[in-house]
């Protein structure tokens, strides 16, 4: 898979406020709608690039996971 395979999509990056996840979000944000799903236990919202939506929550919370992947 190359970079052109992920364009004009809605992408959810779990753990996206951490070091690696924030870089993945940054690589995707120019060509996609990016949502970051993170509980901010080790990451920080300040790590997120502009244009990224943050859904704060725990992956064990089904309601918040549904919110993150809606649409």
Protein backbone atom coordinates (compact mmCIF):
# COMPACT_ATOMS: atom_id res chain seq x y z
CA UNK A 1 0.00 0.00 0.00
CA UNK A 2 1.30 3.44 -0.82
CA UNK A 3 0.38 6.91 0.41
CA UNK A 4 -2.13 7.47 -2.42
CA UNK A 5 -4.23 4.54 -1.16
CA UNK A 6 -5.42 6.67 1.76
CA UNK A 7 -6.89 9.87 0.38
CA UNK A 8 -10.22 11.57 0.91
CA UNK A 9 -11.17 9.17 3.71
CA UNK A 10 -12.17 9.52 7.31
CA UNK A 11 -9.33 8.02 9.31
CA UNK A 12 -9.29 7.24 13.04
CA UNK A 13 -5.87 7.08 14.68
CA UNK A 14 -5.99 5.38 18.06
CA UNK A 15 -3.35 6.66 20.44
CA UNK A 16 -2.93 9.59 18.09
CA UNK A 17 -1.84 12.08 20.73
CA UNK A 18 1.34 10.14 21.45
CA UNK A 19 4.69 10.41 19.69
CA UNK A 20 4.09 7.92 16.87
CA UNK A 21 0.33 8.44 16.54
CA UNK A 22 0.65 12.20 16.20
CA UNK A 23 3.09 11.76 13.34
CA UNK A 24 0.70 9.37 11.62
CA UNK A 25 -2.09 11.91 12.05
CA UNK A 26 0.17 14.63 10.65
CA UNK A 27 0.98 12.50 7.59
CA UNK A 28 -2.72 11.92 6.90
CA UNK A 29 -4.36 15.26 7.72
CA UNK A 30 -3.66 17.05 4.43
CA UNK A 31 -5.66 14.55 2.34
CA UNK A 32 -8.16 13.12 4.84
CA UNK A 33 -10.52 13.86 7.68
CA UNK A 34 -8.53 12.67 10.69
CA UNK A 35 -9.94 11.82 14.11
CA UNK A 36 -7.63 10.98 16.94
CA UNK A 37 -8.95 8.67 19.64
CA UNK A 38 -6.88 8.91 22.80
CA UNK A 39 -7.33 8.91 26.56
CA UNK A 40 -4.41 11.35 26.94
CA UNK A 41 -2.86 9.19 29.65
CA UNK A 42 0.57 9.39 28.01
CA UNK A 43 -0.04 11.64 24.99
CA UNK A 44 -0.99 15.30 24.87
CA UNK A 45 -3.50 17.23 22.80
CA UNK A 46 -0.71 19.72 22.03
CA UNK A 47 0.94 17.01 19.90
CA UNK A 48 -1.93 17.04 17.40
CA UNK A 49 -1.58 18.87 14.11
CA UNK A 50 -4.11 21.52 13.13
CA UNK A 51 -7.24 20.17 11.51
CA UNK A 52 -7.42 16.97 13.54
CA UNK A 53 -10.49 16.18 15.64
CA UNK A 54 -9.77 14.77 19.09
CA UNK A 55 -12.15 12.25 20.61
CA UNK A 56 -11.00 11.79 24.18
CA UNK A 57 -11.80 8.48 25.81
CA UNK A 58 -10.84 4.97 26.72
CA UNK A 59 -10.98 2.19 24.15
CA UNK A 60 -12.87 0.07 26.73
CA UNK A 61 -15.79 2.54 26.62
CA UNK A 62 -18.03 1.29 23.81
CA UNK A 63 -20.05 4.53 23.56
CA UNK A 64 -16.94 6.66 23.05
CA UNK A 65 -15.50 4.19 20.52
CA UNK A 66 -18.77 4.42 18.55
CA UNK A 67 -18.49 8.22 18.62
CA UNK A 68 -14.93 8.05 17.32
CA UNK A 69 -15.81 5.83 14.35
CA UNK A 70 -19.19 7.36 13.48
CA UNK A 71 -19.43 8.22 9.80
